[in-house]
Amino acid sequence: MTSCRDVAPFEVTLDDVRRFQHRAGATVRLHPRSEPPGALEALQARLEALFPQCSEQSTVSADGFTPHLSIAQLRGEDGEALVAEWRRILPITFQARAIHLLSRRGDEAFAIRHAIPLGEP
């Protein structure tokens, strides 16, 4: 089994607001760019190799894995004013230094259950 200890921390810049269109609305998402380029996709592929039962993000569409940060669900409304407001705060840049495993139990909100630092055993 491979691991992530050799995955170095990397920079992520959220640089655009985009949407996944659905029948009843849209998921609004922030689009990331990584430095080095492709770091998010490589990390996701590594994690999927470690946890093949968690392949939903790469099989949900024919396009495969799309790096993103979901920020809203729009149902029926246009949302252009909201999208324009969110674009005003971009870009946001940060260091990706850990993988956070999230889950929810019952009706509670998602919570971080475990953090795995990048670049460490």
PDB file of N, CA and C in Angstrom:
ATOM      1  N   MET A   1       0.839  -1.180   0.000  1.00  0.00           N
ATOM      2  CA  MET A   1       0.000   0.000   0.000  1.00  0.00           C
ATOM      3  C   MET A   1       0.890   1.250   0.000  1.00  0.00           C
ATOM      4  N   THR A   2       0.534   2.228  -0.806  1.00  0.00           N
ATOM      5  CA  THR A   2       1.260   3.498  -0.812  1.00  0.00           C
ATOM      6  C   THR A   2       0.794   4.352   0.360  1.00  0.00           C
ATOM      7  N   SER A   3       1.488   5.433   0.609  1.00  0.00           N
ATOM      8  CA  SER A   3       1.088   6.341   1.685  1.00  0.00           C
ATOM      9  C   SER A   3       1.209   7.773   1.195  1.00  0.00           C
ATOM     10  N   CYS A   4       0.979   8.719   2.088  1.00  0.00           N
ATOM     11  CA  CYS A   4       1.049  10.140   1.729  1.00  0.00           C
ATOM     12  C   CYS A   4       2.202  10.849   2.412  1.00  0.00           C
ATOM     13  N   ARG A   5       3.096  10.117   3.060  1.00  0.00           N
ATOM     14  CA  ARG A   5       4.168  10.779   3.791  1.00  0.00           C
ATOM     15  C   ARG A   5       5.107  11.552   2.872  1.00  0.00           C
ATOM     16  N   ASP A   6       5.185  11.176   1.596  1.00  0.00           N
ATOM     17  CA  ASP A   6       6.065  11.895   0.675  1.00  0.00           C
ATOM     18  C   ASP A   6       5.343  12.997  -0.101  1.00  0.00           C
ATOM     19  N   VAL A   7       4.086  13.275   0.247  1.00  0.00           N
ATOM     20  CA  VAL A   7       3.340  14.378  -0.385  1.00  0.00           C
ATOM     21  C   VAL A   7       3.653  15.641   0.409  1.00  0.00           C
ATOM     22  N   ALA A   8       4.378  16.550  -0.196  1.00  0.00           N
ATOM     23  CA  ALA A   8       4.761  17.788   0.482  1.00  0.00           C
ATOM     24  C   ALA A   8       3.578  18.752   0.533  1.00  0.00           C
ATOM     25  N   PRO A   9       3.508  19.590   1.570  1.00  0.00           N
ATOM     26  CA  PRO A   9       2.504  20.651   1.577  1.00  0.00           C
ATOM     27  C   PRO A   9       2.632  21.485   0.304  1.00  0.00           C
ATOM     28  N   PHE A  10       1.516  22.069  -0.133  1.00  0.00           N
ATOM     29  CA  PHE A  10       1.524  22.856  -1.364  1.00  0.00           C
ATOM     30  C   PHE A  10       0.563  24.023  -1.225  1.00  0.00           C
ATOM     31  N   GLU A  11       0.705  24.989  -2.119  1.00  0.00           N
ATOM     32  CA  GLU A  11      -0.114  26.198  -2.089  1.00  0.00           C
ATOM     33  C   GLU A  11      -1.377  26.012  -2.920  1.00  0.00           C
ATOM     34  N   VAL A  12      -2.493  26.527  -2.398  1.00  0.00           N
ATOM     35  CA  VAL A  12      -3.769  26.505  -3.113  1.00  0.00           C
ATOM     36  C   VAL A  12      -4.290  27.938  -3.188  1.00  0.00           C
ATOM     37  N   THR A  13      -4.751  28.324  -4.365  1.00  0.00           N
ATOM     38  CA  THR A  13      -5.395  29.619  -4.548  1.00  0.00           C
ATOM     39  C   THR A  13      -6.798  29.386  -5.066  1.00  0.00           C
ATOM     40  N   LEU A  14      -7.790  29.880  -4.334  1.00  0.00           N
ATOM     41  CA  LEU A  14      -9.177  29.856  -4.785  1.00  0.00           C
ATOM     42  C   LEU A  14      -9.354  31.108  -5.630  1.00  0.00           C
ATOM     43  N   ASP A  15      -9.587  30.919  -6.947  1.00  0.00           N
ATOM     44  CA  ASP A  15      -9.492  32.071  -7.849  1.00  0.00           C
ATOM     45  C   ASP A  15     -10.743  32.358  -8.673  1.00  0.00           C
ATOM     46  N   ASP A  16     -11.798  31.559  -8.543  1.00  0.00           N
ATOM     47  CA  ASP A  16     -13.007  31.819  -9.325  1.00  0.00           C
ATOM     48  C   ASP A  16     -14.196  31.158  -8.654  1.00  0.00           C
ATOM     49  N   VAL A  17     -15.394  31.670  -8.953  1.00  0.00           N
ATOM     50  CA  VAL A  17     -16.650  31.080  -8.496  1.00  0.00           C
ATOM     51  C   VAL A  17     -17.294  30.423  -9.700  1.00  0.00           C
ATOM     52  N   ARG A  18     -17.618  29.148  -9.562  1.00  0.00           N
ATOM     53  CA  ARG A  18     -18.233  28.382 -10.642  1.00  0.00           C
ATOM     54  C   ARG A  18     -19.421  27.607 -10.105  1.00  0.00           C
ATOM     55  N   ARG A  19     -20.113  26.895 -11.004  1.00  0.00           N
ATOM     56  CA  ARG A  19     -21.295  26.136 -10.592  1.00  0.00           C
ATOM     57  C   ARG A  19     -21.301  24.745 -11.203  1.00  0.00           C
ATOM     58  N   PHE A  20     -21.838  23.814 -10.437  1.00  0.00           N
ATOM     59  CA  PHE A  20     -22.258  22.526 -10.978  1.00  0.00           C
ATOM     60  C   PHE A  20     -23.765  22.657 -11.147  1.00  0.00           C
ATOM     61  N   GLN A  21     -24.268  22.574 -12.367  1.00  0.00           N
ATOM     62  CA  GLN A  21     -25.709  22.685 -12.615  1.00  0.00           C
ATOM     63  C   GLN A  21     -26.379  21.340 -12.341  1.00  0.00           C
ATOM     64  N   HIS A  22     -27.546  21.404 -11.713  1.00  0.00           N
ATOM     65  CA  HIS A  22     -28.377  20.238 -11.447  1.00  0.00           C
ATOM     66  C   HIS A  22     -29.775  20.520 -11.994  1.00  0.00           C
ATOM     67  N   ARG A  23     -30.607  19.514 -12.015  1.00  0.00           N
ATOM     68  CA  ARG A  23     -31.983  19.717 -12.503  1.00  0.00           C
ATOM     69  C   ARG A  23     -32.709  20.795 -11.720  1.00  0.00           C
ATOM     70  N   ALA A  24     -32.618  20.755 -10.398  1.00  0.00           N
ATOM     71  CA  ALA A  24     -33.405  21.659  -9.561  1.00  0.00           C
ATOM     72  C   ALA A  24     -32.626  22.888  -9.094  1.00  0.00           C
ATOM     73  N   GLY A  25     -31.396  23.057  -9.512  1.00  0.00           N
ATOM     74  CA  GLY A  25     -30.619  24.200  -9.049  1.00  0.00           C
ATOM     75  C   GLY A  25     -29.154  24.042  -9.393  1.00  0.00           C
ATOM     76  N   ALA A  26     -28.305  24.533  -8.490  1.00  0.00           N
ATOM     77  CA  ALA A  26     -26.865  24.480  -8.749  1.00  0.00           C
ATOM     78  C   ALA A  26     -26.099  24.448  -7.438  1.00  0.00           C
ATOM     79  N   THR A  27     -24.931  23.823  -7.472  1.00  0.00           N
ATOM     80  CA  THR A  27     -23.972  23.902  -6.379  1.00  0.00           C
ATOM     81  C   THR A  27     -22.960  24.966  -6.771  1.00  0.00           C
ATOM     82  N   VAL A  28     -22.828  25.981  -5.943  1.00  0.00           N
ATOM     83  CA  VAL A  28     -21.856  27.034  -6.187  1.00  0.00           C
ATOM     84  C   VAL A  28     -20.555  26.599  -5.527  1.00  0.00           C
ATOM     85  N   ARG A  29     -19.442  26.774  -6.253  1.00  0.00           N
ATOM     86  CA  ARG A  29     -18.163  26.269  -5.765  1.00  0.00           C
ATOM     87  C   ARG A  29     -17.049  27.250  -6.071  1.00  0.00           C
ATOM     88  N   LEU A  30     -16.033  27.213  -5.223  1.00  0.00           N
ATOM     89  CA  LEU A  30     -14.815  27.974  -5.488  1.00  0.00           C
ATOM     90  C   LEU A  30     -13.857  27.058  -6.231  1.00  0.00           C
ATOM     91  N   HIS A  31     -13.266  27.590  -7.277  1.00  0.00           N
ATOM     92  CA  HIS A  31     -12.338  26.834  -8.115  1.00  0.00           C
ATOM     93  C   HIS A  31     -10.913  27.037  -7.601  1.00  0.00           C
ATOM     94  N   PRO A  32     -10.194  25.931  -7.314  1.00  0.00           N
ATOM     95  CA  PRO A  32      -8.818  26.059  -6.832  1.00  0.00           C
ATOM     96  C   PRO A  32      -7.784  25.884  -7.943  1.00  0.00           C
ATOM     97  N   ARG A  33      -6.664  26.525  -7.725  1.00  0.00           N
ATOM     98  CA  ARG A  33      -5.469  26.339  -8.552  1.00  0.00           C
ATOM     99  C   ARG A  33      -4.350  25.997  -7.576  1.00  0.00           C
ATOM    100  N   SER A  34      -3.540  25.000  -7.896  1.00  0.00           N
ATOM    101  CA  SER A  34      -2.485  24.609  -6.959  1.00  0.00           C
ATOM    102  C   SER A  34      -1.109  24.919  -7.530  1.00  0.00           C
ATOM    103  N   GLU A  35      -0.172  25.083  -6.613  1.00  0.00           N
ATOM    104  CA  GLU A  35       1.234  25.252  -6.955  1.00  0.00           C
ATOM    105  C   GLU A  35       2.024  24.257  -6.140  1.00  0.00           C
ATOM    106  N   PRO A  36       2.574  23.237  -6.718  1.00  0.00           N
ATOM    107  CA  PRO A  36       2.707  23.033  -8.157  1.00  0.00           C
ATOM    108  C   PRO A  36       1.385  22.633  -8.810  1.00  0.00           C
ATOM    109  N   PRO A  37       1.260  22.942 -10.113  1.00  0.00           N
ATOM    110  CA  PRO A  37       0.040  22.578 -10.833  1.00  0.00           C
ATOM    111  C   PRO A  37      -0.218  21.074 -10.750  1.00  0.00           C
ATOM    112  N   GLY A  38      -1.489  20.721 -10.580  1.00  0.00           N
ATOM    113  CA  GLY A  38      -1.877  19.316 -10.524  1.00  0.00           C
ATOM    114  C   GLY A  38      -1.733  18.672  -9.155  1.00  0.00           C
ATOM    115  N   ALA A  39      -1.300  19.430  -8.133  1.00  0.00           N
ATOM    116  CA  ALA A  39      -1.075  18.846  -6.805  1.00  0.00           C
ATOM    117  C   ALA A  39      -2.368  18.312  -6.189  1.00  0.00           C
ATOM    118  N   LEU A  40      -3.479  19.022  -6.371  1.00  0.00           N
ATOM    119  CA  LEU A  40      -4.750  18.542  -5.811  1.00  0.00           C
ATOM    120  C   LEU A  40      -5.200  17.252  -6.477  1.00  0.00           C
ATOM    121  N   GLU A  41      -5.091  17.187  -7.787  1.00  0.00           N
ATOM    122  CA  GLU A  41      -5.490  15.986  -8.520  1.00  0.00           C
ATOM    123  C   GLU A  41      -4.602  14.802  -8.148  1.00  0.00           C
ATOM    124  N   ALA A  42      -3.304  15.045  -7.994  1.00  0.00           N
ATOM    125  CA  ALA A  42      -2.379  13.974  -7.611  1.00  0.00           C
ATOM    126  C   ALA A  42      -2.680  13.471  -6.203  1.00  0.00           C
ATOM    127  N   LEU A  43      -2.997  14.384  -5.284  1.00  0.00           N
ATOM    128  CA  LEU A  43      -3.332  13.984  -3.924  1.00  0.00           C
ATOM    129  C   LEU A  43      -4.627  13.168  -3.908  1.00  0.00           C
ATOM    130  N   GLN A  44      -5.621  13.591  -4.659  1.00  0.00           N
ATOM    131  CA  GLN A  44      -6.882  12.855  -4.704  1.00  0.00           C
ATOM    132  C   GLN A  44      -6.660  11.462  -5.283  1.00  0.00           C
ATOM    133  N   ALA A  45      -5.856  11.341  -6.328  1.00  0.00           N
ATOM    134  CA  ALA A  45      -5.574  10.034  -6.927  1.00  0.00           C
ATOM    135  C   ALA A  45      -4.846   9.134  -5.920  1.00  0.00           C
ATOM    136  N   ARG A  46      -3.922   9.707  -5.167  1.00  0.00           N
ATOM    137  CA  ARG A  46      -3.205   8.937  -4.149  1.00  0.00           C
ATOM    138  C   ARG A  46      -4.165   8.448  -3.078  1.00  0.00           C
ATOM    139  N   LEU A  47      -5.056   9.326  -2.619  1.00  0.00           N
ATOM    140  CA  LEU A  47      -6.019   8.938  -1.589  1.00  0.00           C
ATOM    141  C   LEU A  47      -6.995   7.886  -2.106  1.00  0.00           C
ATOM    142  N   GLU A  48      -7.413   8.018  -3.350  1.00  0.00           N
ATOM    143  CA  GLU A  48      -8.319   7.023  -3.917  1.00  0.00           C
ATOM    144  C   GLU A  48      -7.631   5.665  -4.050  1.00  0.00           C
ATOM    145  N   ALA A  49      -6.334   5.658  -4.330  1.00  0.00           N
ATOM    146  CA  ALA A  49      -5.596   4.398  -4.383  1.00  0.00           C
ATOM    147  C   ALA A  49      -5.532   3.759  -2.984  1.00  0.00           C
ATOM    148  N   LEU A  50      -5.413   4.588  -1.952  1.00  0.00           N
ATOM    149  CA  LEU A  50      -5.385   4.074  -0.584  1.00  0.00           C
ATOM    150  C   LEU A  50      -6.757   3.613  -0.111  1.00  0.00           C
ATOM    151  N   PHE A  51      -7.802   4.314  -0.586  1.00  0.00           N
ATOM    152  CA  PHE A  51      -9.182   4.036  -0.157  1.00  0.00           C
ATOM    153  C   PHE A  51     -10.077   3.876  -1.388  1.00  0.00           C
ATOM    154  N   PRO A  52      -9.944   2.776  -2.132  1.00  0.00           N
ATOM    155  CA  PRO A  52     -10.698   2.619  -3.385  1.00  0.00           C
ATOM    156  C   PRO A  52     -12.217   2.607  -3.194  1.00  0.00           C
ATOM    157  N   GLN A  53     -12.680   2.315  -1.997  1.00  0.00           N
ATOM    158  CA  GLN A  53     -14.120   2.348  -1.742  1.00  0.00           C
ATOM    159  C   GLN A  53     -14.658   3.782  -1.690  1.00  0.00           C
ATOM    160  N   CYS A  54     -13.779   4.767  -1.680  1.00  0.00           N
ATOM    161  CA  CYS A  54     -14.156   6.184  -1.620  1.00  0.00           C
ATOM    162  C   CYS A  54     -13.902   6.853  -2.973  1.00  0.00           C
ATOM    163  N   SER A  55     -14.465   6.296  -4.028  1.00  0.00           N
ATOM    164  CA  SER A  55     -14.187   6.790  -5.378  1.00  0.00           C
ATOM    165  C   SER A  55     -15.282   7.689  -5.932  1.00  0.00           C
ATOM    166  N   GLU A  56     -16.244   8.067  -5.109  1.00  0.00           N
ATOM    167  CA  GLU A  56     -17.387   8.849  -5.596  1.00  0.00           C
ATOM    168  C   GLU A  56     -16.972  10.111  -6.355  1.00  0.00           C
ATOM    169  N   GLN A  57     -15.969  10.825  -5.865  1.00  0.00           N
ATOM    170  CA  GLN A  57     -15.591  12.089  -6.501  1.00  0.00           C
ATOM    171  C   GLN A  57     -15.010  11.907  -7.900  1.00  0.00           C
ATOM    172  N   SER A  58     -14.458  10.752  -8.200  1.00  0.00           N
ATOM    173  CA  SER A  58     -13.926  10.569  -9.553  1.00  0.00           C
ATOM    174  C   SER A  58     -14.880   9.820 -10.464  1.00  0.00           C
ATOM    175  N   THR A  59     -15.966   9.290  -9.926  1.00  0.00           N
ATOM    176  CA  THR A  59     -16.910   8.548 -10.758  1.00  0.00           C
ATOM    177  C   THR A  59     -18.266   9.223 -10.871  1.00  0.00           C
ATOM    178  N   VAL A  60     -18.470  10.336 -10.186  1.00  0.00           N
ATOM    179  CA  VAL A  60     -19.774  10.994 -10.178  1.00  0.00           C
ATOM    180  C   VAL A  60     -20.139  11.575 -11.551  1.00  0.00           C
ATOM    181  N   SER A  61     -19.139  11.867 -12.371  1.00  0.00           N
ATOM    182  CA  SER A  61     -19.413  12.367 -13.721  1.00  0.00           C
ATOM    183  C   SER A  61     -18.366  11.827 -14.684  1.00  0.00           C
ATOM    184  N   ALA A  62     -18.659  11.955 -15.962  1.00  0.00           N
ATOM    185  CA  ALA A  62     -17.723  11.501 -16.993  1.00  0.00           C
ATOM    186  C   ALA A  62     -16.435  12.329 -16.977  1.00  0.00           C
ATOM    187  N   ASP A  63     -16.490  13.528 -16.414  1.00  0.00           N
ATOM    188  CA  ASP A  63     -15.309  14.400 -16.339  1.00  0.00           C
ATOM    189  C   ASP A  63     -14.330  13.961 -15.262  1.00  0.00           C
ATOM    190  N   GLY A  64     -14.743  13.043 -14.390  1.00  0.00           N
ATOM    191  CA  GLY A  64     -13.869  12.602 -13.313  1.00  0.00           C
ATOM    192  C   GLY A  64     -13.816  13.611 -12.182  1.00  0.00           C
ATOM    193  N   PHE A  65     -12.757  13.561 -11.411  1.00  0.00           N
ATOM    194  CA  PHE A  65     -12.583  14.417 -10.234  1.00  0.00           C
ATOM    195  C   PHE A  65     -12.437  15.877 -10.639  1.00  0.00           C
ATOM    196  N   THR A  66     -13.215  16.745  -9.997  1.00  0.00           N
ATOM    197  CA  THR A  66     -13.122  18.184 -10.202  1.00  0.00           C
ATOM    198  C   THR A  66     -12.787  18.832  -8.867  1.00  0.00           C
ATOM    199  N   PRO A  67     -11.546  19.292  -8.674  1.00  0.00           N
ATOM    200  CA  PRO A  67     -11.219  19.965  -7.417  1.00  0.00           C
ATOM    201  C   PRO A  67     -12.124  21.179  -7.218  1.00  0.00           C
ATOM    202  N   HIS A  68     -12.664  21.342  -6.015  1.00  0.00           N
ATOM    203  CA  HIS A  68     -13.545  22.469  -5.732  1.00  0.00           C
ATOM    204  C   HIS A  68     -13.806  22.564  -4.240  1.00  0.00           C
ATOM    205  N   LEU A  69     -14.355  23.697  -3.824  1.00  0.00           N
ATOM    206  CA  LEU A  69     -14.848  23.902  -2.475  1.00  0.00           C
ATOM    207  C   LEU A  69     -16.293  24.376  -2.604  1.00  0.00           C
ATOM    208  N   SER A  70     -17.246  23.505  -2.282  1.00  0.00           N
ATOM    209  CA  SER A  70     -18.669  23.875  -2.362  1.00  0.00           C
ATOM    210  C   SER A  70     -18.970  24.920  -1.305  1.00  0.00           C
ATOM    211  N   ILE A  71     -19.712  25.973  -1.706  1.00  0.00           N
ATOM    212  CA  ILE A  71     -20.042  27.034  -0.754  1.00  0.00           C
ATOM    213  C   ILE A  71     -21.533  27.305  -0.636  1.00  0.00           C
ATOM    214  N   ALA A  72     -22.346  26.826  -1.596  1.00  0.00           N
ATOM    215  CA  ALA A  72     -23.789  27.102  -1.519  1.00  0.00           C
ATOM    216  C   ALA A  72     -24.560  26.175  -2.447  1.00  0.00           C
ATOM    217  N   GLN A  73     -25.821  25.993  -2.108  1.00  0.00           N
ATOM    218  CA  GLN A  73     -26.766  25.300  -2.970  1.00  0.00           C
ATOM    219  C   GLN A  73     -27.821  26.324  -3.365  1.00  0.00           C
ATOM    220  N   LEU A  74     -28.014  26.525  -4.660  1.00  0.00           N
ATOM    221  CA  LEU A  74     -29.047  27.427  -5.153  1.00  0.00           C
ATOM    222  C   LEU A  74     -30.181  26.587  -5.714  1.00  0.00           C
ATOM    223  N   ARG A  75     -31.387  26.881  -5.312  1.00  0.00           N
ATOM    224  CA  ARG A  75     -32.565  26.154  -5.774  1.00  0.00           C
ATOM    225  C   ARG A  75     -33.495  27.121  -6.494  1.00  0.00           C
ATOM    226  N   GLY A  76     -33.454  27.098  -7.824  1.00  0.00           N
ATOM    227  CA  GLY A  76     -34.391  27.898  -8.606  1.00  0.00           C
ATOM    228  C   GLY A  76     -34.013  29.360  -8.773  1.00  0.00           C
ATOM    229  N   GLU A  77     -33.330  29.967  -7.792  1.00  0.00           N
ATOM    230  CA  GLU A  77     -32.974  31.375  -7.932  1.00  0.00           C
ATOM    231  C   GLU A  77     -31.713  31.517  -8.771  1.00  0.00           C
ATOM    232  N   ASP A  78     -31.568  32.662  -9.379  1.00  0.00           N
ATOM    233  CA  ASP A  78     -30.435  32.910 -10.269  1.00  0.00           C
ATOM    234  C   ASP A  78     -29.126  32.975  -9.485  1.00  0.00           C
ATOM    235  N   GLY A  79     -29.078  33.784  -8.437  1.00  0.00           N
ATOM    236  CA  GLY A  79     -27.897  33.855  -7.598  1.00  0.00           C
ATOM    237  C   GLY A  79     -26.764  34.705  -8.125  1.00  0.00           C
ATOM    238  N   GLU A  80     -26.960  35.437  -9.216  1.00  0.00           N
ATOM    239  CA  GLU A  80     -25.857  36.225  -9.787  1.00  0.00           C
ATOM    240  C   GLU A  80     -25.325  37.272  -8.819  1.00  0.00           C
ATOM    241  N   ALA A  81     -26.192  37.888  -8.020  1.00  0.00           N
ATOM    242  CA  ALA A  81     -25.720  38.884  -7.051  1.00  0.00           C
ATOM    243  C   ALA A  81     -24.824  38.220  -6.007  1.00  0.00           C
ATOM    244  N   LEU A  82     -25.209  37.034  -5.553  1.00  0.00           N
ATOM    245  CA  LEU A  82     -24.372  36.305  -4.595  1.00  0.00           C
ATOM    246  C   LEU A  82     -23.033  35.925  -5.205  1.00  0.00           C
ATOM    247  N   VAL A  83     -23.064  35.419  -6.427  1.00  0.00           N
ATOM    248  CA  VAL A  83     -21.828  35.013  -7.105  1.00  0.00           C
ATOM    249  C   VAL A  83     -20.904  36.218  -7.273  1.00  0.00           C
ATOM    250  N   ALA A  84     -21.460  37.357  -7.663  1.00  0.00           N
ATOM    251  CA  ALA A  84     -20.651  38.573  -7.825  1.00  0.00           C
ATOM    252  C   ALA A  84     -20.025  38.989  -6.497  1.00  0.00           C
ATOM    253  N   GLU A  85     -20.767  38.872  -5.402  1.00  0.00           N
ATOM    254  CA  GLU A  85     -20.237  39.223  -4.082  1.00  0.00           C
ATOM    255  C   GLU A  85     -19.110  38.282  -3.679  1.00  0.00           C
ATOM    256  N   TRP A  86     -19.283  36.989  -3.926  1.00  0.00           N
ATOM    257  CA  TRP A  86     -18.233  36.022  -3.589  1.00  0.00           C
ATOM    258  C   TRP A  86     -16.983  36.264  -4.423  1.00  0.00           C
ATOM    259  N   ARG A  87     -17.150  36.649  -5.679  1.00  0.00           N
ATOM    260  CA  ARG A  87     -15.974  36.913  -6.530  1.00  0.00           C
ATOM    261  C   ARG A  87     -15.147  38.076  -6.010  1.00  0.00           C
ATOM    262  N   ARG A  88     -15.781  39.018  -5.322  1.00  0.00           N
ATOM    263  CA  ARG A  88     -15.056  40.190  -4.805  1.00  0.00           C
ATOM    264  C   ARG A  88     -14.021  39.822  -3.758  1.00  0.00           C
ATOM    265  N   ILE A  89     -14.194  38.690  -3.058  1.00  0.00           N
ATOM    266  CA  ILE A  89     -13.239  38.333  -1.999  1.00  0.00           C
ATOM    267  C   ILE A  89     -12.074  37.491  -2.522  1.00  0.00           C
ATOM    268  N   LEU A  90     -12.125  37.139  -3.791  1.00  0.00           N
ATOM    269  CA  LEU A  90     -11.080  36.282  -4.366  1.00  0.00           C
ATOM    270  C   LEU A  90      -9.961  37.119  -4.960  1.00  0.00           C
ATOM    271  N   PRO A  91      -8.769  36.604  -5.048  1.00  0.00           N
ATOM    272  CA  PRO A  91      -8.328  35.261  -4.709  1.00  0.00           C
ATOM    273  C   PRO A  91      -8.029  35.112  -3.218  1.00  0.00           C
ATOM    274  N   ILE A  92      -8.117  33.867  -2.758  1.00  0.00           N
ATOM    275  CA  ILE A  92      -7.727  33.478  -1.401  1.00  0.00           C
ATOM    276  C   ILE A  92      -6.634  32.414  -1.562  1.00  0.00           C
ATOM    277  N   THR A  93      -5.488  32.621  -0.931  1.00  0.00           N
ATOM    278  CA  THR A  93      -4.376  31.681  -1.046  1.00  0.00           C
ATOM    279  C   THR A  93      -4.015  31.147   0.337  1.00  0.00           C
ATOM    280  N   PHE A  94      -3.717  29.848   0.397  1.00  0.00           N
ATOM    281  CA  PHE A  94      -3.334  29.206   1.654  1.00  0.00           C
ATOM    282  C   PHE A  94      -2.456  27.999   1.356  1.00  0.00           C
ATOM    283  N   GLN A  95      -1.807  27.484   2.384  1.00  0.00           N
ATOM    284  CA  GLN A  95      -0.993  26.279   2.288  1.00  0.00           C
ATOM    285  C   GLN A  95      -1.850  25.072   2.669  1.00  0.00           C
ATOM    286  N   ALA A  96      -1.882  24.052   1.821  1.00  0.00           N
ATOM    287  CA  ALA A  96      -2.512  22.771   2.153  1.00  0.00           C
ATOM    288  C   ALA A  96      -1.456  21.976   2.894  1.00  0.00           C
ATOM    289  N   ARG A  97      -1.656  21.791   4.204  1.00  0.00           N
ATOM    290  CA  ARG A  97      -0.660  21.130   5.041  1.00  0.00           C
ATOM    291  C   ARG A  97      -1.151  19.837   5.660  1.00  0.00           C
ATOM    292  N   ALA A  98      -2.432  19.508   5.453  1.00  0.00           N
ATOM    293  CA  ALA A  98      -2.979  18.301   6.073  1.00  0.00           C
ATOM    294  C   ALA A  98      -4.203  17.835   5.297  1.00  0.00           C
ATOM    295  N   ILE A  99      -4.504  16.559   5.456  1.00  0.00           N
ATOM    296  CA  ILE A  99      -5.739  15.974   4.955  1.00  0.00           C
ATOM    297  C   ILE A  99      -6.655  15.843   6.160  1.00  0.00           C
ATOM    298  N   HIS A 100      -7.875  16.361   6.053  1.00  0.00           N
ATOM    299  CA  HIS A 100      -8.837  16.258   7.147  1.00  0.00           C
ATOM    300  C   HIS A 100      -9.932  15.283   6.748  1.00  0.00           C
ATOM    301  N   LEU A 101     -10.130  14.267   7.575  1.00  0.00           N
ATOM    302  CA  LEU A 101     -11.185  13.293   7.328  1.00  0.00           C
ATOM    303  C   LEU A 101     -12.445  13.764   8.038  1.00  0.00           C
ATOM    304  N   LEU A 102     -13.516  13.934   7.265  1.00  0.00           N
ATOM    305  CA  LEU A 102     -14.779  14.463   7.772  1.00  0.00           C
ATOM    306  C   LEU A 102     -15.847  13.384   7.751  1.00  0.00           C
ATOM    307  N   SER A 103     -16.765  13.483   8.683  1.00  0.00           N
ATOM    308  CA  SER A 103     -17.955  12.639   8.634  1.00  0.00           C
ATOM    309  C   SER A 103     -19.036  13.329   9.450  1.00  0.00           C
ATOM    310  N   ARG A 104     -20.245  12.832   9.284  1.00  0.00           N
ATOM    311  CA  ARG A 104     -21.326  13.303  10.135  1.00  0.00           C
ATOM    312  C   ARG A 104     -22.053  12.083  10.675  1.00  0.00           C
ATOM    313  N   ARG A 105     -22.591  12.264  11.825  1.00  0.00           N
ATOM    314  CA  ARG A 105     -23.325  11.189  12.494  1.00  0.00           C
ATOM    315  C   ARG A 105     -24.767  11.643  12.647  1.00  0.00           C
ATOM    316  N   GLY A 106     -25.663  10.882  12.029  1.00  0.00           N
ATOM    317  CA  GLY A 106     -27.071  11.252  12.120  1.00  0.00           C
ATOM    318  C   GLY A 106     -27.327  12.590  11.464  1.00  0.00           C
ATOM    319  N   ASP A 107     -27.998  13.480  12.180  1.00  0.00           N
ATOM    320  CA  ASP A 107     -28.363  14.793  11.648  1.00  0.00           C
ATOM    321  C   ASP A 107     -27.378  15.890  12.001  1.00  0.00           C
ATOM    322  N   GLU A 108     -26.279  15.547  12.687  1.00  0.00           N
ATOM    323  CA  GLU A 108     -25.335  16.591  13.080  1.00  0.00           C
ATOM    324  C   GLU A 108     -24.525  17.078  11.881  1.00  0.00           C
ATOM    325  N   ALA A 109     -23.880  18.215  12.052  1.00  0.00           N
ATOM    326  CA  ALA A 109     -23.047  18.786  10.995  1.00  0.00           C
ATOM    327  C   ALA A 109     -21.793  17.937  10.804  1.00  0.00           C
ATOM    328  N   PHE A 110     -21.169  18.077   9.626  1.00  0.00           N
ATOM    329  CA  PHE A 110     -19.888  17.411   9.394  1.00  0.00           C
ATOM    330  C   PHE A 110     -18.884  17.888  10.440  1.00  0.00           C
ATOM    331  N   ALA A 111     -18.011  16.985  10.853  1.00  0.00           N
ATOM    332  CA  ALA A 111     -16.967  17.321  11.824  1.00  0.00           C
ATOM    333  C   ALA A 111     -15.668  16.657  11.387  1.00  0.00           C
ATOM    334  N   ILE A 112     -14.555  17.303  11.720  1.00  0.00           N
ATOM    335  CA  ILE A 112     -13.239  16.716  11.441  1.00  0.00           C
ATOM    336  C   ILE A 112     -13.041  15.573  12.435  1.00  0.00           C
ATOM    337  N   ARG A 113     -12.813  14.374  11.914  1.00  0.00           N
ATOM    338  CA  ARG A 113     -12.604  13.203  12.764  1.00  0.00           C
ATOM    339  C   ARG A 113     -11.121  12.868  12.920  1.00  0.00           C
ATOM    340  N   HIS A 114     -10.316  13.270  11.922  1.00  0.00           N
ATOM    341  CA  HIS A 114      -8.891  12.967  11.990  1.00  0.00           C
ATOM    342  C   HIS A 114      -8.152  13.900  11.024  1.00  0.00           C
ATOM    343  N   ALA A 115      -6.957  14.337  11.386  1.00  0.00           N
ATOM    344  CA  ALA A 115      -6.116  15.150  10.512  1.00  0.00           C
ATOM    345  C   ALA A 115      -4.799  14.415  10.276  1.00  0.00           C
ATOM    346  N   ILE A 116      -4.379  14.365   9.027  1.00  0.00           N
ATOM    347  CA  ILE A 116      -3.136  13.692   8.640  1.00  0.00           C
ATOM    348  C   ILE A 116      -2.221  14.754   8.019  1.00  0.00           C
ATOM    349  N   PRO A 117      -1.144  15.136   8.702  1.00  0.00           N
ATOM    350  CA  PRO A 117      -0.244  16.149   8.145  1.00  0.00           C
ATOM    351  C   PRO A 117       0.415  15.641   6.857  1.00  0.00           C
ATOM    352  N   LEU A 118       0.574  16.519   5.887  1.00  0.00           N
ATOM    353  CA  LEU A 118       1.297  16.167   4.665  1.00  0.00           C
ATOM    354  C   LEU A 118       2.789  16.259   4.936  1.00  0.00           C
ATOM    355  N   GLY A 119       3.551  15.395   4.264  1.00  0.00           N
ATOM    356  CA  GLY A 119       4.995  15.419   4.374  1.00  0.00           C
ATOM    357  C   GLY A 119       5.540  14.843   5.667  1.00  0.00           C
ATOM    358  N   GLU A 120       4.699  14.140   6.424  1.00  0.00           N
ATOM    359  CA  GLU A 120       5.141  13.519   7.679  1.00  0.00           C
ATOM    360  C   GLU A 120       4.724  12.051   7.694  1.00  0.00           C
ATOM    361  N   PRO A 121       5.468  11.209   8.404  1.00  0.00           N
ATOM    362  CA  PRO A 121       5.072   9.788   8.492  1.00  0.00           C
ATOM    363  C   PRO A 121       3.744   9.615   9.205  1.00  0.00           C
TER     364      PRO A 121
END
